[in-house]
Amino acid sequence: MPLYQVRYRGDKELTINSSSILREEQIVENVLVEEGIIPRVLEDRVRGEAQGAGQSLKELIAANNLAPMAYTEDESEPITIA
């Protein structure tokens, strides 16, 4: 069971316990849910239905003022998303 430590907006932290390995999109979705931002943004983005659906994860993070965002999986080195 992977344990993810996510840091965003410089000082906010979120711990995610997962039964499987998460993709970066899923990590960002967890942060969006934590912040009360509608998680459908990612679902629509994947389906290409939302305005700005072509946004990269970095653009989505920036548009929602979540940068900088990085995470660790278990005790790995930090991985920067944006």
C-alpha atoms as a PDB file:
ATOM      1  CA  MET A   1       0.000   0.000   0.000  1.00  0.00           C
ATOM      2  CA  PRO A   2       1.778   3.137  -1.189  1.00  0.00           C
ATOM      3  CA  LEU A   3       1.801   6.184   1.045  1.00  0.00           C
ATOM      4  CA  TYR A   4       1.980   9.548  -0.716  1.00  0.00           C
ATOM      5  CA  GLN A   5       3.021  12.798   0.950  1.00  0.00           C
ATOM      6  CA  VAL A   6       1.931  15.713  -1.235  1.00  0.00           C
ATOM      7  CA  ARG A   7       3.138  19.287  -0.694  1.00  0.00           C
ATOM      8  CA  TYR A   8       1.448  22.127  -2.522  1.00  0.00           C
ATOM      9  CA  ARG A   9       1.127  25.902  -2.310  1.00  0.00           C
ATOM     10  CA  GLY A  10       4.500  25.855  -0.618  1.00  0.00           C
ATOM     11  CA  ASP A  11       3.283  24.926   2.854  1.00  0.00           C
ATOM     12  CA  LYS A  12       0.206  22.702   2.603  1.00  0.00           C
ATOM     13  CA  GLU A  13       0.515  18.942   2.974  1.00  0.00           C
ATOM     14  CA  LEU A  14      -1.769  16.043   2.160  1.00  0.00           C
ATOM     15  CA  THR A  15      -1.195  12.383   3.007  1.00  0.00           C
ATOM     16  CA  ILE A  16      -2.774   9.821   0.704  1.00  0.00           C
ATOM     17  CA  ASN A  17      -2.930   6.135   1.601  1.00  0.00           C
ATOM     18  CA  SER A  18      -3.674   4.119  -1.505  1.00  0.00           C
ATOM     19  CA  SER A  19      -4.271   0.449  -2.177  1.00  0.00           C
ATOM     20  CA  SER A  20      -2.447   0.810  -5.505  1.00  0.00           C
ATOM     21  CA  ILE A  21       0.047   3.063  -7.252  1.00  0.00           C
ATOM     22  CA  LEU A  22      -1.507   6.403  -8.248  1.00  0.00           C
ATOM     23  CA  ARG A  23      -0.950   8.315 -11.470  1.00  0.00           C
ATOM     24  CA  GLU A  24      -0.055  11.994 -11.137  1.00  0.00           C
ATOM     25  CA  GLU A  25      -3.566  12.893 -12.361  1.00  0.00           C
ATOM     26  CA  GLN A  26      -5.022  10.975  -9.420  1.00  0.00           C
ATOM     27  CA  ILE A  27      -2.704  12.720  -6.973  1.00  0.00           C
ATOM     28  CA  VAL A  28      -3.779  16.112  -8.346  1.00  0.00           C
ATOM     29  CA  GLU A  29      -7.436  15.047  -8.138  1.00  0.00           C
ATOM     30  CA  ASN A  30      -6.973  14.225  -4.440  1.00  0.00           C
ATOM     31  CA  VAL A  31      -5.572  17.716  -3.865  1.00  0.00           C
ATOM     32  CA  LEU A  32      -8.483  19.271  -5.800  1.00  0.00           C
ATOM     33  CA  VAL A  33     -10.939  17.359  -3.601  1.00  0.00           C
ATOM     34  CA  GLU A  34      -9.067  18.379  -0.436  1.00  0.00           C
ATOM     35  CA  GLU A  35      -9.238  22.024  -1.506  1.00  0.00           C
ATOM     36  CA  GLY A  36     -12.937  21.801  -2.394  1.00  0.00           C
ATOM     37  CA  ILE A  37     -12.301  22.297  -6.103  1.00  0.00           C
ATOM     38  CA  ILE A  38     -14.668  20.269  -8.250  1.00  0.00           C
ATOM     39  CA  PRO A  39     -12.947  16.968  -9.126  1.00  0.00           C
ATOM     40  CA  ARG A  40     -14.890  16.785 -12.389  1.00  0.00           C
ATOM     41  CA  VAL A  41     -12.293  19.172 -13.799  1.00  0.00           C
ATOM     42  CA  LEU A  42      -9.989  16.191 -14.299  1.00  0.00           C
ATOM     43  CA  GLU A  43     -12.734  13.868 -15.536  1.00  0.00           C
ATOM     44  CA  ASP A  44     -13.808  16.441 -18.118  1.00  0.00           C
ATOM     45  CA  ARG A  45     -10.180  17.075 -19.030  1.00  0.00           C
ATOM     46  CA  VAL A  46      -9.630  13.375 -19.699  1.00  0.00           C
ATOM     47  CA  ARG A  47     -12.760  13.232 -21.876  1.00  0.00           C
ATOM     48  CA  GLY A  48     -11.871  16.513 -23.574  1.00  0.00           C
ATOM     49  CA  GLU A  49     -15.217  18.076 -22.710  1.00  0.00           C
ATOM     50  CA  ALA A  50     -14.293  20.986 -20.475  1.00  0.00           C
ATOM     51  CA  GLN A  51     -13.283  24.410 -21.632  1.00  0.00           C
ATOM     52  CA  GLY A  52      -9.513  24.315 -21.468  1.00  0.00           C
ATOM     53  CA  ALA A  53      -9.647  20.522 -21.548  1.00  0.00           C
ATOM     54  CA  GLY A  54      -6.298  20.500 -23.301  1.00  0.00           C
ATOM     55  CA  GLN A  55      -4.593  21.871 -20.200  1.00  0.00           C
ATOM     56  CA  SER A  56      -1.570  20.011 -18.968  1.00  0.00           C
ATOM     57  CA  LEU A  57      -1.381  19.068 -15.303  1.00  0.00           C
ATOM     58  CA  LYS A  58       1.020  21.973 -14.779  1.00  0.00           C
ATOM     59  CA  GLU A  59      -1.494  24.392 -16.303  1.00  0.00           C
ATOM     60  CA  LEU A  60      -4.330  22.937 -14.203  1.00  0.00           C
ATOM     61  CA  ILE A  61      -2.255  23.276 -11.030  1.00  0.00           C
ATOM     62  CA  ALA A  62      -1.297  26.859 -11.907  1.00  0.00           C
ATOM     63  CA  ALA A  63      -4.887  27.809 -12.819  1.00  0.00           C
ATOM     64  CA  ASN A  64      -6.036  26.675  -9.368  1.00  0.00           C
ATOM     65  CA  ASN A  65      -3.130  28.323  -7.505  1.00  0.00           C
ATOM     66  CA  LEU A  66      -1.800  25.001  -6.215  1.00  0.00           C
ATOM     67  CA  ALA A  67       1.824  25.421  -7.301  1.00  0.00           C
ATOM     68  CA  PRO A  68       4.408  24.468  -6.348  1.00  0.00           C
ATOM     69  CA  MET A  69       3.320  20.824  -6.077  1.00  0.00           C
ATOM     70  CA  ALA A  70       5.509  17.818  -5.365  1.00  0.00           C
ATOM     71  CA  TYR A  71       5.017  14.403  -3.821  1.00  0.00           C
ATOM     72  CA  THR A  72       6.891  11.444  -2.422  1.00  0.00           C
ATOM     73  CA  GLU A  73       5.820   7.833  -2.728  1.00  0.00           C
ATOM     74  CA  ASP A  74       6.634   5.986   0.472  1.00  0.00           C
ATOM     75  CA  GLU A  75      10.084   7.378   1.292  1.00  0.00           C
ATOM     76  CA  SER A  76      11.270   8.219  -2.219  1.00  0.00           C
ATOM     77  CA  GLU A  77      12.923  11.435  -3.307  1.00  0.00           C
ATOM     78  CA  PRO A  78      10.421  14.261  -3.985  1.00  0.00           C
ATOM     79  CA  ILE A  79       8.895  14.274  -7.468  1.00  0.00           C
ATOM     80  CA  THR A  80       7.812  17.686  -8.745  1.00  0.00           C
ATOM     81  CA  ILE A  81       4.587  17.920 -10.743  1.00  0.00           C
ATOM     82  CA  ALA A  82       4.526  21.712 -11.065  1.00  0.00           C
END
